[in-house]
N, C-alpha and C. Protein backbone atom coordinates (compact mmCIF):
# COMPACT_ATOMS: atom_id res chain seq x y z
N MET A 1 159.85 -14.74 104.82
CA MET A 1 158.44 -14.54 104.55
C MET A 1 157.58 -15.63 105.18
N SER A 2 158.12 -16.86 105.65
CA SER A 2 157.45 -17.80 106.33
C SER A 2 156.97 -17.27 107.81
N ASP A 3 157.93 -16.41 108.36
CA ASP A 3 157.47 -15.89 109.61
C ASP A 3 156.15 -15.17 109.61
N ASP A 4 155.94 -14.45 108.53
CA ASP A 4 154.50 -13.95 108.28
C ASP A 4 153.38 -14.82 107.71
N VAL A 5 153.78 -16.03 107.41
CA VAL A 5 152.69 -16.64 106.79
C VAL A 5 152.01 -17.70 107.80
N ILE A 6 153.09 -18.40 108.37
CA ILE A 6 152.61 -19.26 109.62
C ILE A 6 152.54 -18.42 110.73
N PRO A 7 151.39 -18.42 111.53
CA PRO A 7 151.30 -17.59 112.79
C PRO A 7 151.97 -18.24 113.79
N GLU A 8 152.72 -17.49 114.64
CA GLU A 8 153.55 -17.83 115.63
C GLU A 8 152.87 -18.79 116.44
N LYS A 9 151.68 -18.46 116.78
CA LYS A 9 150.63 -19.34 117.72
C LYS A 9 150.88 -20.94 117.22
N PHE A 10 150.90 -20.91 116.12
CA PHE A 10 150.70 -22.46 115.38
C PHE A 10 152.05 -23.17 115.07
N THR A 11 153.35 -22.52 115.10
CA THR A 11 154.61 -23.23 115.11
C THR A 11 154.75 -24.17 115.95
N GLY A 12 154.54 -24.24 117.09
CA GLY A 12 154.41 -25.18 118.31
C GLY A 12 153.84 -26.50 117.86
N LEU A 13 152.78 -26.60 116.95
CA LEU A 13 152.07 -27.60 116.40
C LEU A 13 153.31 -28.64 115.83
N PHE A 14 154.35 -28.03 114.95
CA PHE A 14 155.27 -28.93 114.42
C PHE A 14 156.16 -29.47 115.31
N ASP A 15 156.25 -29.18 116.70
CA ASP A 15 157.04 -29.61 117.78
C ASP A 15 156.54 -30.90 118.07
N LYS A 16 155.23 -31.11 118.00
CA LYS A 16 154.38 -32.33 118.55
C LYS A 16 154.45 -33.40 117.73
N ARG A 17 154.20 -34.63 118.02
CA ARG A 17 154.20 -35.90 117.18
C ARG A 17 152.97 -35.61 116.24
N VAL A 18 152.68 -34.57 115.45
CA VAL A 18 151.57 -34.43 114.67
C VAL A 18 151.77 -34.96 113.41
N PHE A 19 150.74 -35.61 112.63
CA PHE A 19 150.93 -35.87 111.41
C PHE A 19 150.38 -34.82 110.63
N ALA A 20 150.86 -34.66 109.40
CA ALA A 20 150.23 -33.58 108.45
C ALA A 20 149.79 -34.36 107.35
N ASN A 21 148.36 -34.11 106.65
CA ASN A 21 147.74 -34.64 105.65
C ASN A 21 148.32 -33.65 104.67
N LEU A 22 149.18 -34.35 103.75
CA LEU A 22 149.80 -34.00 102.57
C LEU A 22 149.00 -33.92 101.41
N ALA A 23 148.45 -33.06 100.62
CA ALA A 23 147.80 -33.19 99.52
C ALA A 23 148.75 -32.62 98.41
N THR A 24 148.95 -33.56 97.38
CA THR A 24 149.38 -33.35 96.00
C THR A 24 148.52 -33.50 94.86
N LEU A 25 149.10 -33.07 93.76
CA LEU A 25 148.18 -33.18 92.63
C LEU A 25 148.63 -34.32 91.73
N MET A 26 147.56 -35.22 91.13
CA MET A 26 147.81 -36.21 90.17
C MET A 26 147.81 -35.55 88.84
N PRO A 27 148.35 -36.17 87.75
CA PRO A 27 148.47 -35.65 86.61
C PRO A 27 147.27 -35.05 85.86
N ASP A 28 146.07 -35.86 86.15
CA ASP A 28 144.77 -35.08 85.72
C ASP A 28 144.28 -34.06 86.74
N GLY A 29 145.07 -33.72 87.73
CA GLY A 29 144.22 -32.71 88.60
C GLY A 29 143.72 -32.96 89.95
N ARG A 30 143.49 -34.18 89.99
CA ARG A 30 142.66 -34.57 90.96
C ARG A 30 143.94 -34.63 92.14
N PRO A 31 143.19 -34.30 93.45
CA PRO A 31 144.18 -34.37 94.57
C PRO A 31 144.59 -35.77 95.31
N GLN A 32 145.42 -36.08 95.71
CA GLN A 32 145.84 -37.22 96.46
C GLN A 32 146.54 -36.85 97.92
N VAL A 33 145.93 -37.62 98.82
CA VAL A 33 146.30 -37.13 100.17
C VAL A 33 146.96 -38.00 100.84
N THR A 34 148.08 -37.82 101.52
CA THR A 34 148.84 -39.08 102.37
C THR A 34 149.22 -38.52 103.70
N PRO A 35 148.97 -39.32 104.66
CA PRO A 35 149.59 -38.61 106.25
C PRO A 35 150.85 -38.67 106.05
N VAL A 36 151.88 -37.61 106.74
CA VAL A 36 153.35 -37.64 106.62
C VAL A 36 153.64 -37.15 107.71
N TRP A 37 155.00 -37.64 108.14
CA TRP A 37 155.74 -37.04 109.30
C TRP A 37 156.38 -35.54 108.85
N CYS A 38 156.32 -34.57 109.58
CA CYS A 38 156.84 -33.14 109.21
C CYS A 38 157.61 -32.60 110.15
N GLU A 39 158.27 -31.46 109.78
CA GLU A 39 158.91 -30.67 110.99
C GLU A 39 159.02 -29.25 109.96
N PHE A 40 159.05 -28.32 110.96
CA PHE A 40 159.44 -26.96 110.51
C PHE A 40 160.65 -26.20 111.08
N ASP A 41 161.34 -25.63 110.31
CA ASP A 41 162.77 -25.25 110.52
C ASP A 41 162.50 -23.78 110.84
N GLY A 42 161.21 -23.08 110.89
CA GLY A 42 161.47 -21.85 111.03
C GLY A 42 161.04 -21.04 109.83
N THR A 43 161.37 -21.61 108.76
CA THR A 43 161.15 -20.92 107.31
C THR A 43 160.55 -21.79 106.41
N HIS A 44 160.86 -23.18 106.67
CA HIS A 44 160.25 -24.15 105.42
C HIS A 44 159.55 -25.34 106.34
N ILE A 45 158.53 -26.16 105.79
CA ILE A 45 158.19 -27.48 106.28
C ILE A 45 158.91 -28.34 105.51
N LEU A 46 159.32 -29.37 106.16
CA LEU A 46 160.04 -30.56 105.57
C LEU A 46 159.32 -31.67 105.88
N VAL A 47 159.22 -32.75 104.79
CA VAL A 47 158.72 -33.86 104.79
C VAL A 47 159.62 -34.91 104.07
N ASN A 48 159.41 -36.19 104.30
CA ASN A 48 160.26 -37.35 103.77
C ASN A 48 159.21 -38.19 103.04
N SER A 49 159.69 -38.70 101.99
CA SER A 49 159.06 -40.02 101.43
C SER A 49 160.14 -40.87 100.71
N ALA A 50 159.86 -41.98 100.07
CA ALA A 50 160.50 -42.81 99.27
C ALA A 50 160.53 -42.58 97.82
N GLN A 51 161.72 -42.51 97.27
CA GLN A 51 161.61 -42.16 95.68
C GLN A 51 160.51 -43.18 94.95
N GLY A 52 159.89 -42.51 94.06
CA GLY A 52 159.12 -43.20 93.25
C GLY A 52 157.55 -43.49 93.87
N ARG A 53 157.23 -43.10 95.10
CA ARG A 53 156.10 -43.36 95.64
C ARG A 53 155.06 -42.08 94.78
N GLN A 54 153.86 -42.44 94.93
CA GLN A 54 152.93 -41.42 94.14
C GLN A 54 152.94 -40.05 94.64
N LYS A 55 153.26 -39.55 95.75
CA LYS A 55 153.35 -38.21 96.29
C LYS A 55 154.77 -37.75 95.77
N ASP A 56 155.79 -38.70 95.59
CA ASP A 56 157.01 -38.30 95.01
C ASP A 56 156.85 -37.95 93.76
N ARG A 57 156.30 -38.70 92.98
CA ARG A 57 156.15 -38.36 91.45
C ARG A 57 155.23 -36.97 91.24
N ASN A 58 154.09 -36.82 91.96
CA ASN A 58 153.49 -35.80 91.83
C ASN A 58 154.24 -34.51 92.24
N MET A 59 155.08 -34.55 93.25
CA MET A 59 155.73 -33.05 93.64
C MET A 59 156.78 -32.89 92.75
N ARG A 60 157.35 -33.96 92.20
CA ARG A 60 158.42 -33.61 91.26
C ARG A 60 157.58 -33.06 89.93
N ARG A 61 156.46 -33.45 89.50
CA ARG A 61 155.87 -32.89 88.39
C ARG A 61 155.14 -31.55 88.66
N ASP A 62 154.49 -31.46 89.80
CA ASP A 62 153.92 -30.17 90.18
C ASP A 62 154.03 -29.63 91.43
N PRO A 63 154.88 -28.77 91.93
CA PRO A 63 155.43 -28.34 93.29
C PRO A 63 154.25 -28.01 94.06
N ARG A 64 153.02 -27.43 93.70
CA ARG A 64 151.85 -27.14 94.62
C ARG A 64 151.59 -28.20 95.59
N ILE A 65 151.35 -27.79 96.70
CA ILE A 65 151.01 -28.78 97.87
C ILE A 65 150.02 -28.04 98.88
N SER A 66 149.35 -28.81 99.55
CA SER A 66 148.61 -28.35 100.80
C SER A 66 148.78 -29.39 101.71
N LEU A 67 148.93 -28.78 102.96
CA LEU A 67 148.90 -29.73 104.13
C LEU A 67 148.34 -29.32 105.37
N ALA A 68 147.45 -30.20 106.09
CA ALA A 68 146.71 -29.53 107.11
C ALA A 68 147.46 -30.52 108.36
N VAL A 69 147.69 -29.82 109.32
CA VAL A 69 148.08 -30.30 110.89
C VAL A 69 146.86 -30.13 111.84
N MET A 70 146.54 -30.96 112.49
CA MET A 70 145.47 -30.90 113.65
C MET A 70 146.31 -31.25 115.11
N ASP A 71 145.97 -30.32 115.86
CA ASP A 71 146.51 -30.80 117.36
C ASP A 71 146.03 -31.86 117.84
N PRO A 72 146.97 -32.78 118.14
CA PRO A 72 146.36 -34.15 118.90
C PRO A 72 145.93 -33.90 120.03
N GLU A 73 145.98 -32.92 120.68
CA GLU A 73 145.29 -32.73 122.11
C GLU A 73 144.13 -31.87 121.91
N ASN A 74 143.94 -31.16 120.82
CA ASN A 74 142.78 -30.30 120.70
C ASN A 74 142.26 -30.22 119.31
N SER A 75 141.19 -30.96 118.92
CA SER A 75 140.82 -31.35 117.54
C SER A 75 140.30 -29.78 117.04
N TYR A 76 139.97 -29.13 117.81
CA TYR A 76 139.49 -27.63 117.39
C TYR A 76 140.88 -26.77 117.01
N CYS A 77 141.78 -27.34 116.87
CA CYS A 77 143.10 -26.34 116.82
C CYS A 77 143.67 -26.99 115.61
N TYR A 78 143.80 -26.33 114.47
CA TYR A 78 144.48 -26.72 113.24
C TYR A 78 144.90 -25.70 112.39
N LEU A 79 145.99 -26.09 111.63
CA LEU A 79 146.53 -25.21 110.62
C LEU A 79 146.82 -25.77 109.24
N GLU A 80 146.10 -25.12 108.27
CA GLU A 80 146.33 -25.63 106.85
C GLU A 80 147.24 -24.70 106.13
N VAL A 81 148.25 -25.34 105.37
CA VAL A 81 149.17 -24.42 104.95
C VAL A 81 148.97 -24.82 103.06
N ARG A 82 149.04 -23.72 102.38
CA ARG A 82 149.27 -23.95 101.02
C ARG A 82 150.71 -23.43 100.56
N GLY A 83 151.34 -24.25 99.95
CA GLY A 83 152.72 -23.71 99.47
C GLY A 83 153.07 -24.62 98.26
N GLU A 84 154.56 -24.62 98.09
CA GLU A 84 155.18 -25.32 97.04
C GLU A 84 156.56 -25.74 97.45
N VAL A 85 156.57 -26.83 96.93
CA VAL A 85 158.21 -27.60 97.12
C VAL A 85 159.05 -26.75 96.49
N VAL A 86 160.10 -26.30 97.19
CA VAL A 86 161.10 -25.68 96.67
C VAL A 86 162.36 -26.29 96.55
N GLU A 87 162.65 -27.57 97.12
CA GLU A 87 163.89 -28.08 96.90
C GLU A 87 163.52 -29.64 97.31
N ILE A 88 164.11 -30.53 96.60
CA ILE A 88 163.68 -32.01 96.49
C ILE A 88 165.16 -32.53 96.33
N LYS A 89 165.58 -33.41 97.55
CA LYS A 89 166.81 -33.90 97.54
C LYS A 89 167.04 -35.16 98.05
N GLU A 90 167.97 -36.01 97.70
CA GLU A 90 168.10 -37.45 98.24
C GLU A 90 168.49 -37.18 99.88
N ASP A 91 167.88 -38.01 100.70
CA ASP A 91 168.09 -37.88 101.99
C ASP A 91 169.24 -38.85 102.42
N THR A 92 170.60 -38.30 102.27
CA THR A 92 171.85 -39.08 102.27
C THR A 92 171.94 -39.68 103.62
N ASN A 93 172.24 -40.78 103.54
CA ASN A 93 172.47 -41.51 104.80
C ASN A 93 171.41 -41.66 105.81
N CYS A 94 170.08 -41.16 105.20
CA CYS A 94 168.92 -41.29 105.73
C CYS A 94 168.96 -40.30 107.06
N ALA A 95 169.55 -39.33 106.82
CA ALA A 95 169.78 -38.28 108.09
C ALA A 95 168.34 -37.74 108.59
N HIS A 96 167.60 -37.32 107.50
CA HIS A 96 166.61 -36.72 107.69
C HIS A 96 165.17 -37.79 108.12
N ILE A 97 165.14 -38.71 107.69
CA ILE A 97 164.17 -39.59 108.04
C ILE A 97 164.55 -40.24 109.44
N ASN A 98 165.69 -40.28 109.94
CA ASN A 98 166.24 -40.86 111.29
C ASN A 98 165.78 -39.72 112.15
N LYS A 99 166.03 -38.32 111.83
CA LYS A 99 165.68 -37.46 112.89
C LYS A 99 164.18 -37.41 112.88
N LEU A 100 163.37 -37.74 112.01
CA LEU A 100 162.10 -37.91 112.05
C LEU A 100 161.57 -38.88 112.96
N ALA A 101 162.23 -40.26 112.75
CA ALA A 101 161.82 -41.28 113.57
C ALA A 101 162.14 -41.05 114.96
N LEU A 102 163.13 -40.00 115.35
CA LEU A 102 163.53 -39.99 116.78
C LEU A 102 162.33 -39.10 117.17
N LYS A 103 161.74 -38.39 116.44
CA LYS A 103 160.74 -37.15 117.00
C LYS A 103 159.45 -38.26 117.23
N TYR A 104 159.10 -39.11 116.10
CA TYR A 104 157.74 -39.64 115.92
C TYR A 104 157.91 -41.24 116.81
N LEU A 105 158.98 -41.93 116.73
CA LEU A 105 159.29 -43.07 117.35
C LEU A 105 159.91 -43.33 118.53
N ASP A 106 160.55 -42.44 118.83
CA ASP A 106 161.85 -42.37 119.79
C ASP A 106 162.91 -43.57 119.44
N LEU A 107 163.06 -43.52 118.11
CA LEU A 107 163.90 -44.45 117.79
C LEU A 107 165.06 -43.58 117.01
N GLU A 108 166.33 -44.00 117.26
CA GLU A 108 167.46 -43.38 116.47
C GLU A 108 167.54 -43.71 115.10
N GLU A 109 166.96 -44.80 114.27
CA GLU A 109 167.20 -45.07 113.09
C GLU A 109 165.59 -45.49 112.62
N TYR A 110 165.27 -44.98 111.41
CA TYR A 110 163.81 -45.35 110.83
C TYR A 110 164.00 -46.86 110.59
N PRO A 111 162.89 -47.68 111.20
CA PRO A 111 163.02 -49.05 111.22
C PRO A 111 162.33 -49.73 110.06
N TYR A 112 161.73 -48.79 109.20
CA TYR A 112 160.96 -49.44 108.11
C TYR A 112 161.75 -49.45 106.50
N LEU A 113 162.98 -48.87 106.61
CA LEU A 113 163.65 -48.76 105.57
C LEU A 113 163.55 -50.05 104.59
N GLN A 114 163.26 -49.91 103.51
CA GLN A 114 162.99 -51.25 102.62
C GLN A 114 164.66 -51.64 101.73
N PRO A 115 165.10 -52.58 101.39
CA PRO A 115 166.06 -52.89 100.86
C PRO A 115 166.05 -52.10 99.22
N GLY A 116 166.85 -51.37 98.98
CA GLY A 116 167.04 -50.46 98.07
C GLY A 116 166.25 -49.21 97.66
N GLU A 117 165.62 -48.97 98.70
CA GLU A 117 164.70 -47.99 99.13
C GLU A 117 165.59 -46.76 99.08
N VAL A 118 165.22 -45.53 98.45
CA VAL A 118 165.97 -44.20 98.51
C VAL A 118 164.95 -43.17 98.89
N ARG A 119 165.46 -42.55 100.19
CA ARG A 119 164.64 -41.62 100.89
C ARG A 119 164.78 -40.37 100.29
N ILE A 120 163.86 -39.39 100.36
CA ILE A 120 163.91 -38.11 99.54
C ILE A 120 163.29 -36.98 100.70
N SER A 121 164.07 -35.92 101.00
CA SER A 121 163.53 -34.84 101.61
C SER A 121 163.14 -33.74 100.83
N TYR A 122 161.91 -33.17 101.37
CA TYR A 122 161.15 -32.10 100.34
C TYR A 122 161.00 -30.75 101.36
N ARG A 123 161.67 -29.81 100.79
CA ARG A 123 161.42 -28.46 101.57
C ARG A 123 160.30 -27.69 100.87
N ILE A 124 159.44 -27.30 101.78
CA ILE A 124 158.13 -26.62 101.16
C ILE A 124 158.17 -25.51 101.87
N GLN A 125 157.87 -24.32 100.78
CA GLN A 125 157.58 -22.95 101.40
C GLN A 125 156.21 -22.50 101.49
N PRO A 126 156.02 -22.00 102.46
CA PRO A 126 154.49 -21.84 102.85
C PRO A 126 154.22 -20.38 102.20
N LEU A 127 153.04 -20.50 101.47
CA LEU A 127 152.57 -19.46 100.94
C LEU A 127 151.21 -18.70 101.49
N HIS A 128 150.47 -19.48 101.97
CA HIS A 128 149.37 -19.03 102.60
C HIS A 128 148.79 -20.07 103.77
N THR A 129 148.29 -19.78 104.78
CA THR A 129 147.64 -20.52 105.80
C THR A 129 146.32 -20.10 105.89
N THR A 130 145.52 -21.06 106.65
CA THR A 130 144.20 -20.70 107.26
C THR A 130 144.24 -21.45 108.67
N SER A 131 143.59 -20.97 109.69
CA SER A 131 143.91 -21.78 110.87
C SER A 131 142.58 -21.53 111.70
N MET A 132 142.58 -22.33 112.72
CA MET A 132 141.38 -22.15 113.75
C MET A 132 142.11 -22.81 115.03
N ASP A 133 141.70 -21.99 116.16
CA ASP A 133 142.02 -22.49 117.56
C ASP A 133 140.83 -22.07 118.50
N LEU A 134 139.97 -22.74 118.84
CA LEU A 134 138.97 -22.62 119.67
C LEU A 134 139.19 -22.90 121.25
N SER A 135 140.64 -23.01 121.54
CA SER A 135 140.84 -23.49 122.78
C SER A 135 140.82 -22.18 123.88
């Protein structure tokens, strides 16, 4: 399904060190937006956070999300994705956050892990996109 949802022209954005602005919904319906590291596995978008943070609580309560990624080399090229979180799981041994740290920081281990922090991986099913590329 995602092959049809995310245009092939924009999948390369996820190979770059692009931050996604992730919007989740607060209990009263107001949006909450946070920049996050992300990756695309060809079907799902994956993001990572710490258990108990606001976005974690929001996605557990309401799986509807939106995220926007902008090409760091061309601010007139962006992709907005609306979708839903289809899987929330503990990032055992920090394997996912370490993979993202390698992509974003060129470090094999995520350096900001706090004592007692539990990392969580979220798998997002894209359902709709809008995009622009004026290059």
